[in-house]
Amino acid sequence: MPKYLIQAKISHEGLKGTMAEGGSARHTAVKKAVTSMGGTLESFYYAFGENDIVGIAEMPSNAAMASFASNVALAGTVSAFATTPLLEPSEVDEAITLKVDYTPPQA
């Protein structure tokens, strides 16, 4: 199954909810949502800096991850949400063996 890096910034409303429910409750809610899509939440962390939440999820497809991300964004509890597909080293090995018929623009 494809893996994704999840990065989110908590909105003002989301922070109020997190403060009321606690960080563990949010972790449980995210894990339940990922599982409901047929995925697995491998890691979940709160962070300082650019992102407030960082995690890694395994999802059955890009469509499942897109649905998860859309539903989280629509809830309004995050002000920014990004997913980054993660590649296994063997996938990079496969990618570098593929031939591309591409001609760059000429100056």
PDB file of N, CA and C in Angstrom:
ATOM      1  N   MET A   1       0.853  -1.198   0.000  1.00  0.00           N
ATOM      2  CA  MET A   1       0.000   0.000   0.000  1.00  0.00           C
ATOM      3  C   MET A   1       0.881   1.237   0.000  1.00  0.00           C
ATOM      4  N   PRO A   2       0.463   2.274  -0.707  1.00  0.00           N
ATOM      5  CA  PRO A   2       1.232   3.523  -0.710  1.00  0.00           C
ATOM      6  C   PRO A   2       1.278   4.168   0.675  1.00  0.00           C
ATOM      7  N   LYS A   3       2.402   4.817   0.945  1.00  0.00           N
ATOM      8  CA  LYS A   3       2.578   5.545   2.205  1.00  0.00           C
ATOM      9  C   LYS A   3       2.616   7.036   1.915  1.00  0.00           C
ATOM     10  N   TYR A   4       2.158   7.803   2.900  1.00  0.00           N
ATOM     11  CA  TYR A   4       2.082   9.255   2.754  1.00  0.00           C
ATOM     12  C   TYR A   4       2.563   9.940   4.021  1.00  0.00           C
ATOM     13  N   LEU A   5       3.314  11.017   3.824  1.00  0.00           N
ATOM     14  CA  LEU A   5       3.652  11.922   4.906  1.00  0.00           C
ATOM     15  C   LEU A   5       2.498  12.900   5.024  1.00  0.00           C
ATOM     16  N   ILE A   6       1.958  13.043   6.228  1.00  0.00           N
ATOM     17  CA  ILE A   6       0.855  13.977   6.485  1.00  0.00           C
ATOM     18  C   ILE A   6       1.397  15.125   7.325  1.00  0.00           C
ATOM     19  N   GLN A   7       1.111  16.357   6.908  1.00  0.00           N
ATOM     20  CA  GLN A   7       1.520  17.545   7.654  1.00  0.00           C
ATOM     21  C   GLN A   7       0.324  18.467   7.772  1.00  0.00           C
ATOM     22  N   ALA A   8       0.060  18.945   8.979  1.00  0.00           N
ATOM     23  CA  ALA A   8      -1.106  19.804   9.181  1.00  0.00           C
ATOM     24  C   ALA A   8      -0.795  20.919  10.164  1.00  0.00           C
ATOM     25  N   LYS A   9      -1.467  22.037   9.922  1.00  0.00           N
ATOM     26  CA  LYS A   9      -1.441  23.164  10.854  1.00  0.00           C
ATOM     27  C   LYS A   9      -2.821  23.231  11.492  1.00  0.00           C
ATOM     28  N   ILE A  10      -2.863  23.275  12.795  1.00  0.00           N
ATOM     29  CA  ILE A  10      -4.132  23.306  13.514  1.00  0.00           C
ATOM     30  C   ILE A  10      -4.711  24.713  13.463  1.00  0.00           C
ATOM     31  N   SER A  11      -5.995  24.827  13.117  1.00  0.00           N
ATOM     32  CA  SER A  11      -6.679  26.125  13.103  1.00  0.00           C
ATOM     33  C   SER A  11      -7.028  26.541  14.528  1.00  0.00           C
ATOM     34  N   HIS A  12      -7.511  27.751  14.667  1.00  0.00           N
ATOM     35  CA  HIS A  12      -7.933  28.251  15.977  1.00  0.00           C
ATOM     36  C   HIS A  12      -9.007  27.342  16.576  1.00  0.00           C
ATOM     37  N   GLU A  13     -10.002  26.974  15.758  1.00  0.00           N
ATOM     38  CA  GLU A  13     -11.068  26.076  16.237  1.00  0.00           C
ATOM     39  C   GLU A  13     -10.500  24.708  16.596  1.00  0.00           C
ATOM     40  N   GLY A  14      -9.593  24.215  15.799  1.00  0.00           N
ATOM     41  CA  GLY A  14      -8.964  22.927  16.073  1.00  0.00           C
ATOM     42  C   GLY A  14      -8.159  22.946  17.360  1.00  0.00           C
ATOM     43  N   LEU A  15      -7.486  24.059  17.612  1.00  0.00           N
ATOM     44  CA  LEU A  15      -6.710  24.181  18.845  1.00  0.00           C
ATOM     45  C   LEU A  15      -7.617  24.193  20.065  1.00  0.00           C
ATOM     46  N   LYS A  16      -8.748  24.886  19.943  1.00  0.00           N
ATOM     47  CA  LYS A  16      -9.709  24.896  21.052  1.00  0.00           C
ATOM     48  C   LYS A  16     -10.192  23.470  21.347  1.00  0.00           C
ATOM     49  N   GLY A  17     -10.491  22.717  20.304  1.00  0.00           N
ATOM     50  CA  GLY A  17     -10.929  21.338  20.490  1.00  0.00           C
ATOM     51  C   GLY A  17      -9.843  20.454  21.068  1.00  0.00           C
ATOM     52  N   THR A  18      -8.620  20.628  20.591  1.00  0.00           N
ATOM     53  CA  THR A  18      -7.504  19.839  21.105  1.00  0.00           C
ATOM     54  C   THR A  18      -7.259  20.145  22.582  1.00  0.00           C
ATOM     55  N   MET A  19      -7.353  21.419  22.941  1.00  0.00           N
ATOM     56  CA  MET A  19      -7.166  21.798  24.346  1.00  0.00           C
ATOM     57  C   MET A  19      -8.270  21.205  25.228  1.00  0.00           C
ATOM     58  N   ALA A  20      -9.476  21.112  24.690  1.00  0.00           N
ATOM     59  CA  ALA A  20     -10.602  20.570  25.461  1.00  0.00           C
ATOM     60  C   ALA A  20     -10.537  19.047  25.563  1.00  0.00           C
ATOM     61  N   GLU A  21     -10.194  18.382  24.451  1.00  0.00           N
ATOM     62  CA  GLU A  21     -10.218  16.921  24.405  1.00  0.00           C
ATOM     63  C   GLU A  21      -8.874  16.281  24.751  1.00  0.00           C
ATOM     64  N   GLY A  22      -7.792  16.985  24.490  1.00  0.00           N
ATOM     65  CA  GLY A  22      -6.461  16.433  24.704  1.00  0.00           C
ATOM     66  C   GLY A  22      -5.860  15.888  23.418  1.00  0.00           C
ATOM     67  N   GLY A  23      -4.559  15.825  23.394  1.00  0.00           N
ATOM     68  CA  GLY A  23      -3.833  15.363  22.219  1.00  0.00           C
ATOM     69  C   GLY A  23      -4.085  13.905  21.887  1.00  0.00           C
ATOM     70  N   SER A  24      -4.245  13.077  22.897  1.00  0.00           N
ATOM     71  CA  SER A  24      -4.487  11.648  22.657  1.00  0.00           C
ATOM     72  C   SER A  24      -5.830  11.411  21.981  1.00  0.00           C
ATOM     73  N   ALA A  25      -6.824  12.203  22.305  1.00  0.00           N
ATOM     74  CA  ALA A  25      -8.141  12.062  21.680  1.00  0.00           C
ATOM     75  C   ALA A  25      -8.063  12.383  20.190  1.00  0.00           C
ATOM     76  N   ARG A  26      -7.286  13.389  19.809  1.00  0.00           N
ATOM     77  CA  ARG A  26      -7.122  13.725  18.391  1.00  0.00           C
ATOM     78  C   ARG A  26      -6.397  12.594  17.670  1.00  0.00           C
ATOM     79  N   HIS A  27      -5.376  12.044  18.311  1.00  0.00           N
ATOM     80  CA  HIS A  27      -4.652  10.917  17.723  1.00  0.00           C
ATOM     81  C   HIS A  27      -5.610   9.760  17.464  1.00  0.00           C
ATOM     82  N   THR A  28      -6.450   9.453  18.421  1.00  0.00           N
ATOM     83  CA  THR A  28      -7.432   8.382  18.282  1.00  0.00           C
ATOM     84  C   THR A  28      -8.398   8.666  17.137  1.00  0.00           C
ATOM     85  N   ALA A  29      -8.841   9.912  17.024  1.00  0.00           N
ATOM     86  CA  ALA A  29      -9.777  10.286  15.956  1.00  0.00           C
ATOM     87  C   ALA A  29      -9.138  10.149  14.576  1.00  0.00           C
ATOM     88  N   VAL A  30      -7.889  10.574  14.444  1.00  0.00           N
ATOM     89  CA  VAL A  30      -7.187  10.471  13.154  1.00  0.00           C
ATOM     90  C   VAL A  30      -6.962   8.999  12.809  1.00  0.00           C
ATOM     91  N   LYS A  31      -6.553   8.215  13.795  1.00  0.00           N
ATOM     92  CA  LYS A  31      -6.329   6.786  13.570  1.00  0.00           C
ATOM     93  C   LYS A  31      -7.624   6.101  13.114  1.00  0.00           C
ATOM     94  N   LYS A  32      -8.728   6.442  13.748  1.00  0.00           N
ATOM     95  CA  LYS A  32     -10.030   5.871  13.373  1.00  0.00           C
ATOM     96  C   LYS A  32     -10.392   6.256  11.937  1.00  0.00           C
ATOM     97  N   ALA A  33     -10.161   7.512  11.568  1.00  0.00           N
ATOM     98  CA  ALA A  33     -10.487   7.975  10.216  1.00  0.00           C
ATOM     99  C   ALA A  33      -9.636   7.258   9.172  1.00  0.00           C
ATOM    100  N   VAL A  34      -8.348   7.121   9.424  1.00  0.00           N
ATOM    101  CA  VAL A  34      -7.456   6.432   8.483  1.00  0.00           C
ATOM    102  C   VAL A  34      -7.875   4.970   8.352  1.00  0.00           C
ATOM    103  N   THR A  35      -8.161   4.333   9.475  1.00  0.00           N
ATOM    104  CA  THR A  35      -8.583   2.932   9.470  1.00  0.00           C
ATOM    105  C   THR A  35      -9.892   2.756   8.700  1.00  0.00           C
ATOM    106  N   SER A  36     -10.798   3.716   8.826  1.00  0.00           N
ATOM    107  CA  SER A  36     -12.082   3.632   8.121  1.00  0.00           C
ATOM    108  C   SER A  36     -11.908   3.666   6.609  1.00  0.00           C
ATOM    109  N   MET A  37     -10.783   4.172   6.141  1.00  0.00           N
ATOM    110  CA  MET A  37     -10.485   4.224   4.710  1.00  0.00           C
ATOM    111  C   MET A  37      -9.699   2.995   4.255  1.00  0.00           C
ATOM    112  N   GLY A  38      -9.484   2.043   5.172  1.00  0.00           N
ATOM    113  CA  GLY A  38      -8.719   0.844   4.834  1.00  0.00           C
ATOM    114  C   GLY A  38      -7.229   1.015   5.011  1.00  0.00           C
ATOM    115  N   GLY A  39      -6.825   2.091   5.700  1.00  0.00           N
ATOM    116  CA  GLY A  39      -5.411   2.383   5.879  1.00  0.00           C
ATOM    117  C   GLY A  39      -4.906   2.076   7.272  1.00  0.00           C
ATOM    118  N   THR A  40      -3.658   2.429   7.489  1.00  0.00           N
ATOM    119  CA  THR A  40      -2.997   2.248   8.779  1.00  0.00           C
ATOM    120  C   THR A  40      -2.244   3.536   9.113  1.00  0.00           C
ATOM    121  N   LEU A  41      -2.410   4.018  10.332  1.00  0.00           N
ATOM    122  CA  LEU A  41      -1.645   5.183  10.791  1.00  0.00           C
ATOM    123  C   LEU A  41      -0.386   4.662  11.460  1.00  0.00           C
ATOM    124  N   GLU A  42       0.748   4.845  10.783  1.00  0.00           N
ATOM    125  CA  GLU A  42       2.012   4.308  11.297  1.00  0.00           C
ATOM    126  C   GLU A  42       2.607   5.175  12.393  1.00  0.00           C
ATOM    127  N   SER A  43       2.457   6.494  12.255  1.00  0.00           N
ATOM    128  CA  SER A  43       2.995   7.394  13.276  1.00  0.00           C
ATOM    129  C   SER A  43       2.179   8.681  13.293  1.00  0.00           C
ATOM    130  N   PHE A  44       2.173   9.332  14.436  1.00  0.00           N
ATOM    131  CA  PHE A  44       1.419  10.576  14.630  1.00  0.00           C
ATOM    132  C   PHE A  44       2.136  11.364  15.715  1.00  0.00           C
ATOM    133  N   TYR A  45       2.541  12.578  15.380  1.00  0.00           N
ATOM    134  CA  TYR A  45       3.260  13.422  16.330  1.00  0.00           C
ATOM    135  C   TYR A  45       2.753  14.852  16.282  1.00  0.00           C
ATOM    136  N   TYR A  46       2.803  15.502  17.427  1.00  0.00           N
ATOM    137  CA  TYR A  46       2.629  16.950  17.479  1.00  0.00           C
ATOM    138  C   TYR A  46       4.023  17.538  17.344  1.00  0.00           C
ATOM    139  N   ALA A  47       4.117  18.724  16.739  1.00  0.00           N
ATOM    140  CA  ALA A  47       5.421  19.304  16.454  1.00  0.00           C
ATOM    141  C   ALA A  47       5.403  20.806  16.696  1.00  0.00           C
ATOM    142  N   PHE A  48       6.588  21.364  16.891  1.00  0.00           N
ATOM    143  CA  PHE A  48       6.777  22.802  16.934  1.00  0.00           C
ATOM    144  C   PHE A  48       7.184  23.242  15.540  1.00  0.00           C
ATOM    145  N   GLY A  49       6.935  24.490  15.202  1.00  0.00           N
ATOM    146  CA  GLY A  49       7.414  25.006  13.931  1.00  0.00           C
ATOM    147  C   GLY A  49       6.337  25.153  12.893  1.00  0.00           C
ATOM    148  N   GLU A  50       6.695  24.882  11.652  1.00  0.00           N
ATOM    149  CA  GLU A  50       5.797  25.121  10.521  1.00  0.00           C
ATOM    150  C   GLU A  50       4.521  24.281  10.594  1.00  0.00           C
ATOM    151  N   ASN A  51       4.638  23.039  11.057  1.00  0.00           N
ATOM    152  CA  ASN A  51       3.485  22.149  11.156  1.00  0.00           C
ATOM    153  C   ASN A  51       3.225  21.781  12.617  1.00  0.00           C
ATOM    154  N   ASP A  52       1.948  21.617  12.942  1.00  0.00           N
ATOM    155  CA  ASP A  52       1.571  21.235  14.304  1.00  0.00           C
ATOM    156  C   ASP A  52       1.407  19.733  14.451  1.00  0.00           C
ATOM    157  N   ILE A  53       1.091  19.063  13.345  1.00  0.00           N
ATOM    158  CA  ILE A  53       0.910  17.611  13.339  1.00  0.00           C
ATOM    159  C   ILE A  53       1.684  17.035  12.165  1.00  0.00           C
ATOM    160  N   VAL A  54       2.395  15.935  12.440  1.00  0.00           N
ATOM    161  CA  VAL A  54       3.131  15.216  11.410  1.00  0.00           C
ATOM    162  C   VAL A  54       2.863  13.729  11.618  1.00  0.00           C
ATOM    163  N   GLY A  55       2.606  13.029  10.527  1.00  0.00           N
ATOM    164  CA  GLY A  55       2.370  11.599  10.647  1.00  0.00           C
ATOM    165  C   GLY A  55       2.673  10.879   9.360  1.00  0.00           C
ATOM    166  N   ILE A  56       2.664   9.559   9.448  1.00  0.00           N
ATOM    167  CA  ILE A  56       2.815   8.718   8.277  1.00  0.00           C
ATOM    168  C   ILE A  56       1.654   7.741   8.269  1.00  0.00           C
ATOM    169  N   ALA A  57       0.965   7.689   7.125  1.00  0.00           N
ATOM    170  CA  ALA A  57      -0.161   6.785   6.960  1.00  0.00           C
ATOM    171  C   ALA A  57       0.044   5.930   5.723  1.00  0.00           C
ATOM    172  N   GLU A  58      -0.428   4.711   5.818  1.00  0.00           N
ATOM    173  CA  GLU A  58      -0.461   3.821   4.677  1.00  0.00           C
ATOM    174  C   GLU A  58      -1.918   3.744   4.251  1.00  0.00           C
ATOM    175  N   MET A  59      -2.182   4.020   2.972  1.00  0.00           N
ATOM    176  CA  MET A  59      -3.547   4.021   2.457  1.00  0.00           C
ATOM    177  C   MET A  59      -3.630   3.091   1.253  1.00  0.00           C
ATOM    178  N   PRO A  60      -4.828   2.530   0.989  1.00  0.00           N
ATOM    179  CA  PRO A  60      -4.949   1.600  -0.122  1.00  0.00           C
ATOM    180  C   PRO A  60      -4.787   2.244  -1.503  1.00  0.00           C
ATOM    181  N   SER A  61      -4.984   3.556  -1.606  1.00  0.00           N
ATOM    182  CA  SER A  61      -4.889   4.201  -2.918  1.00  0.00           C
ATOM    183  C   SER A  61      -4.760   5.707  -2.761  1.00  0.00           C
ATOM    184  N   ASN A  62      -4.397   6.374  -3.861  1.00  0.00           N
ATOM    185  CA  ASN A  62      -4.383   7.838  -3.876  1.00  0.00           C
ATOM    186  C   ASN A  62      -5.786   8.382  -3.641  1.00  0.00           C
ATOM    187  N   ALA A  63      -6.799   7.699  -4.182  1.00  0.00           N
ATOM    188  CA  ALA A  63      -8.177   8.150  -3.996  1.00  0.00           C
ATOM    189  C   ALA A  63      -8.571   8.114  -2.517  1.00  0.00           C
ATOM    190  N   ALA A  64      -8.163   7.075  -1.805  1.00  0.00           N
ATOM    191  CA  ALA A  64      -8.469   6.986  -0.374  1.00  0.00           C
ATOM    192  C   ALA A  64      -7.793   8.123   0.390  1.00  0.00           C
ATOM    193  N   MET A  65      -6.540   8.423   0.051  1.00  0.00           N
ATOM    194  CA  MET A  65      -5.845   9.520   0.728  1.00  0.00           C
ATOM    195  C   MET A  65      -6.485  10.855   0.380  1.00  0.00           C
ATOM    196  N   ALA A  66      -6.875  11.033  -0.860  1.00  0.00           N
ATOM    197  CA  ALA A  66      -7.529  12.286  -1.265  1.00  0.00           C
ATOM    198  C   ALA A  66      -8.847  12.474  -0.522  1.00  0.00           C
ATOM    199  N   SER A  67      -9.598  11.415  -0.352  1.00  0.00           N
ATOM    200  CA  SER A  67     -10.854  11.490   0.395  1.00  0.00           C
ATOM    201  C   SER A  67     -10.600  11.842   1.856  1.00  0.00           C
ATOM    202  N   PHE A  68      -9.632  11.190   2.461  1.00  0.00           N
ATOM    203  CA  PHE A  68      -9.269  11.485   3.856  1.00  0.00           C
ATOM    204  C   PHE A  68      -8.859  12.951   3.997  1.00  0.00           C
ATOM    205  N   ALA A  69      -7.951  13.404   3.133  1.00  0.00           N
ATOM    206  CA  ALA A  69      -7.451  14.778   3.203  1.00  0.00           C
ATOM    207  C   ALA A  69      -8.576  15.788   2.998  1.00  0.00           C
ATOM    208  N   SER A  70      -9.464  15.519   2.049  1.00  0.00           N
ATOM    209  CA  SER A  70     -10.580  16.430   1.787  1.00  0.00           C
ATOM    210  C   SER A  70     -11.517  16.539   2.977  1.00  0.00           C
ATOM    211  N   ASN A  71     -11.810  15.407   3.587  1.00  0.00           N
ATOM    212  CA  ASN A  71     -12.710  15.417   4.738  1.00  0.00           C
ATOM    213  C   ASN A  71     -12.096  16.111   5.945  1.00  0.00           C
ATOM    214  N   VAL A  72     -10.806  15.924   6.154  1.00  0.00           N
ATOM    215  CA  VAL A  72     -10.128  16.628   7.251  1.00  0.00           C
ATOM    216  C   VAL A  72     -10.149  18.131   6.983  1.00  0.00           C
ATOM    217  N   ALA A  73      -9.828  18.532   5.765  1.00  0.00           N
ATOM    218  CA  ALA A  73      -9.810  19.958   5.419  1.00  0.00           C
ATOM    219  C   ALA A  73     -11.194  20.580   5.556  1.00  0.00           C
ATOM    220  N   LEU A  74     -12.234  19.872   5.120  1.00  0.00           N
ATOM    221  CA  LEU A  74     -13.598  20.393   5.202  1.00  0.00           C
ATOM    222  C   LEU A  74     -14.081  20.587   6.638  1.00  0.00           C
ATOM    223  N   ALA A  75     -13.513  19.836   7.560  1.00  0.00           N
ATOM    224  CA  ALA A  75     -13.939  19.936   8.965  1.00  0.00           C
ATOM    225  C   ALA A  75     -13.585  21.294   9.566  1.00  0.00           C
ATOM    226  N   GLY A  76     -12.592  21.992   8.997  1.00  0.00           N
ATOM    227  CA  GLY A  76     -12.229  23.320   9.476  1.00  0.00           C
ATOM    228  C   GLY A  76     -11.327  23.349  10.696  1.00  0.00           C
ATOM    229  N   THR A  77     -10.837  22.186  11.120  1.00  0.00           N
ATOM    230  CA  THR A  77      -9.992  22.155  12.316  1.00  0.00           C
ATOM    231  C   THR A  77      -8.503  22.250  11.989  1.00  0.00           C
ATOM    232  N   VAL A  78      -8.183  22.265  10.696  1.00  0.00           N
ATOM    233  CA  VAL A  78      -6.808  22.524  10.282  1.00  0.00           C
ATOM    234  C   VAL A  78      -6.818  23.694   9.309  1.00  0.00           C
ATOM    235  N   SER A  79      -5.785  24.521   9.365  1.00  0.00           N
ATOM    236  CA  SER A  79      -5.701  25.657   8.462  1.00  0.00           C
ATOM    237  C   SER A  79      -4.879  25.327   7.226  1.00  0.00           C
ATOM    238  N   ALA A  80      -4.115  24.253   7.290  1.00  0.00           N
ATOM    239  CA  ALA A  80      -3.348  23.774   6.139  1.00  0.00           C
ATOM    240  C   ALA A  80      -3.149  22.280   6.307  1.00  0.00           C
ATOM    241  N   PHE A  81      -3.215  21.570   5.198  1.00  0.00           N
ATOM    242  CA  PHE A  81      -3.075  20.112   5.226  1.00  0.00           C
ATOM    243  C   PHE A  81      -2.323  19.700   3.978  1.00  0.00           C
ATOM    244  N   ALA A  82      -1.243  18.952   4.133  1.00  0.00           N
ATOM    245  CA  ALA A  82      -0.462  18.517   2.981  1.00  0.00           C
ATOM    246  C   ALA A  82      -0.165  17.032   3.089  1.00  0.00           C
ATOM    247  N   THR A  83      -0.235  16.353   1.962  1.00  0.00           N
ATOM    248  CA  THR A  83       0.161  14.956   1.898  1.00  0.00           C
ATOM    249  C   THR A  83       1.272  14.821   0.870  1.00  0.00           C
ATOM    250  N   THR A  84       2.259  14.045   1.209  1.00  0.00           N
ATOM    251  CA  THR A  84       3.376  13.800   0.315  1.00  0.00           C
ATOM    252  C   THR A  84       3.518  12.299   0.126  1.00  0.00           C
ATOM    253  N   PRO A  85       3.396  11.804  -1.108  1.00  0.00           N
ATOM    254  CA  PRO A  85       3.612  10.371  -1.332  1.00  0.00           C
ATOM    255  C   PRO A  85       5.054  10.010  -0.990  1.00  0.00           C
ATOM    256  N   LEU A  86       5.230   8.878  -0.339  1.00  0.00           N
ATOM    257  CA  LEU A  86       6.557   8.399   0.041  1.00  0.00           C
ATOM    258  C   LEU A  86       6.913   7.185  -0.805  1.00  0.00           C
ATOM    259  N   LEU A  87       8.137   7.151  -1.295  1.00  0.00           N
ATOM    260  CA  LEU A  87       8.598   6.053  -2.145  1.00  0.00           C
ATOM    261  C   LEU A  87       9.580   5.166  -1.387  1.00  0.00           C
ATOM    262  N   GLU A  88       9.414   3.878  -1.557  1.00  0.00           N
ATOM    263  CA  GLU A  88      10.380   2.909  -1.033  1.00  0.00           C
ATOM    264  C   GLU A  88      11.639   2.980  -1.894  1.00  0.00           C
ATOM    265  N   PRO A  89      12.814   2.639  -1.339  1.00  0.00           N
ATOM    266  CA  PRO A  89      14.023   2.635  -2.159  1.00  0.00           C
ATOM    267  C   PRO A  89      13.893   1.760  -3.410  1.00  0.00           C
ATOM    268  N   SER A  90      13.188   0.645  -3.305  1.00  0.00           N
ATOM    269  CA  SER A  90      13.010  -0.235  -4.472  1.00  0.00           C
ATOM    270  C   SER A  90      12.183   0.447  -5.559  1.00  0.00           C
ATOM    271  N   GLU A  91      11.272   1.342  -5.178  1.00  0.00           N
ATOM    272  CA  GLU A  91      10.491   2.081  -6.173  1.00  0.00           C
ATOM    273  C   GLU A  91      11.377   3.070  -6.928  1.00  0.00           C
ATOM    274  N   VAL A  92      12.342   3.662  -6.242  1.00  0.00           N
ATOM    275  CA  VAL A  92      13.295   4.554  -6.906  1.00  0.00           C
ATOM    276  C   VAL A  92      14.165   3.736  -7.853  1.00  0.00           C
ATOM    277  N   ASP A  93      14.576   2.527  -7.398  1.00  0.00           N
ATOM    278  CA  ASP A  93      15.353   1.646  -8.278  1.00  0.00           C
ATOM    279  C   ASP A  93      14.588   1.359  -9.563  1.00  0.00           C
ATOM    280  N   GLU A  94      13.296   1.076  -9.434  1.00  0.00           N
ATOM    281  CA  GLU A  94      12.460   0.807 -10.602  1.00  0.00           C
ATOM    282  C   GLU A  94      12.333   2.055 -11.480  1.00  0.00           C
ATOM    283  N   ALA A  95      12.134   3.198 -10.860  1.00  0.00           N
ATOM    284  CA  ALA A  95      11.939   4.448 -11.607  1.00  0.00           C
ATOM    285  C   ALA A  95      13.151   4.794 -12.467  1.00  0.00           C
ATOM    286  N   ILE A  96      14.343   4.569 -11.952  1.00  0.00           N
ATOM    287  CA  ILE A  96      15.530   4.965 -12.723  1.00  0.00           C
ATOM    288  C   ILE A  96      15.805   4.031 -13.890  1.00  0.00           C
ATOM    289  N   THR A  97      15.121   2.879 -13.933  1.00  0.00           N
ATOM    290  CA  THR A  97      15.304   1.972 -15.065  1.00  0.00           C
ATOM    291  C   THR A  97      14.311   2.246 -16.194  1.00  0.00           C
ATOM    292  N   LEU A  98      13.287   3.036 -15.924  1.00  0.00           N
ATOM    293  CA  LEU A  98      12.275   3.330 -16.940  1.00  0.00           C
ATOM    294  C   LEU A  98      12.808   4.350 -17.939  1.00  0.00           C
ATOM    295  N   LYS A  99      12.550   4.111 -19.189  1.00  0.00           N
ATOM    296  CA  LYS A  99      13.006   5.010 -20.257  1.00  0.00           C
ATOM    297  C   LYS A  99      11.893   5.995 -20.605  1.00  0.00           C
ATOM    298  N   VAL A 100      12.267   7.264 -20.781  1.00  0.00           N
ATOM    299  CA  VAL A 100      11.313   8.317 -21.118  1.00  0.00           C
ATOM    300  C   VAL A 100      11.694   8.910 -22.463  1.00  0.00           C
ATOM    301  N   ASP A 101      10.734   9.015 -23.357  1.00  0.00           N
ATOM    302  CA  ASP A 101      10.949   9.643 -24.652  1.00  0.00           C
ATOM    303  C   ASP A 101      10.557  11.110 -24.537  1.00  0.00           C
ATOM    304  N   TYR A 102      11.513  11.936 -24.136  1.00  0.00           N
ATOM    305  CA  TYR A 102      11.243  13.358 -23.884  1.00  0.00           C
ATOM    306  C   TYR A 102      12.312  14.193 -24.568  1.00  0.00           C
ATOM    307  N   THR A 103      11.876  15.232 -25.262  1.00  0.00           N
ATOM    308  CA  THR A 103      12.792  16.180 -25.887  1.00  0.00           C
ATOM    309  C   THR A 103      12.618  17.523 -25.192  1.00  0.00           C
ATOM    310  N   PRO A 104      13.674  18.052 -24.564  1.00  0.00           N
ATOM    311  CA  PRO A 104      13.545  19.352 -23.888  1.00  0.00           C
ATOM    312  C   PRO A 104      13.438  20.487 -24.903  1.00  0.00           C
ATOM    313  N   PRO A 105      12.892  21.626 -24.487  1.00  0.00           N
ATOM    314  CA  PRO A 105      12.799  22.768 -25.401  1.00  0.00           C
ATOM    315  C   PRO A 105      14.193  23.268 -25.787  1.00  0.00           C
ATOM    316  N   GLN A 106      14.274  23.740 -26.998  1.00  0.00           N
ATOM    317  CA  GLN A 106      15.563  24.243 -27.509  1.00  0.00           C
ATOM    318  C   GLN A 106      15.610  25.766 -27.346  1.00  0.00           C
ATOM    319  N   ALA A 107      16.756  26.267 -26.920  1.00  0.00           N
ATOM    320  CA  ALA A 107      16.927  27.721 -26.740  1.00  0.00           C
ATOM    321  C   ALA A 107      17.288  28.380 -28.042  1.00  0.00           C
TER     322      ALA A 107
END
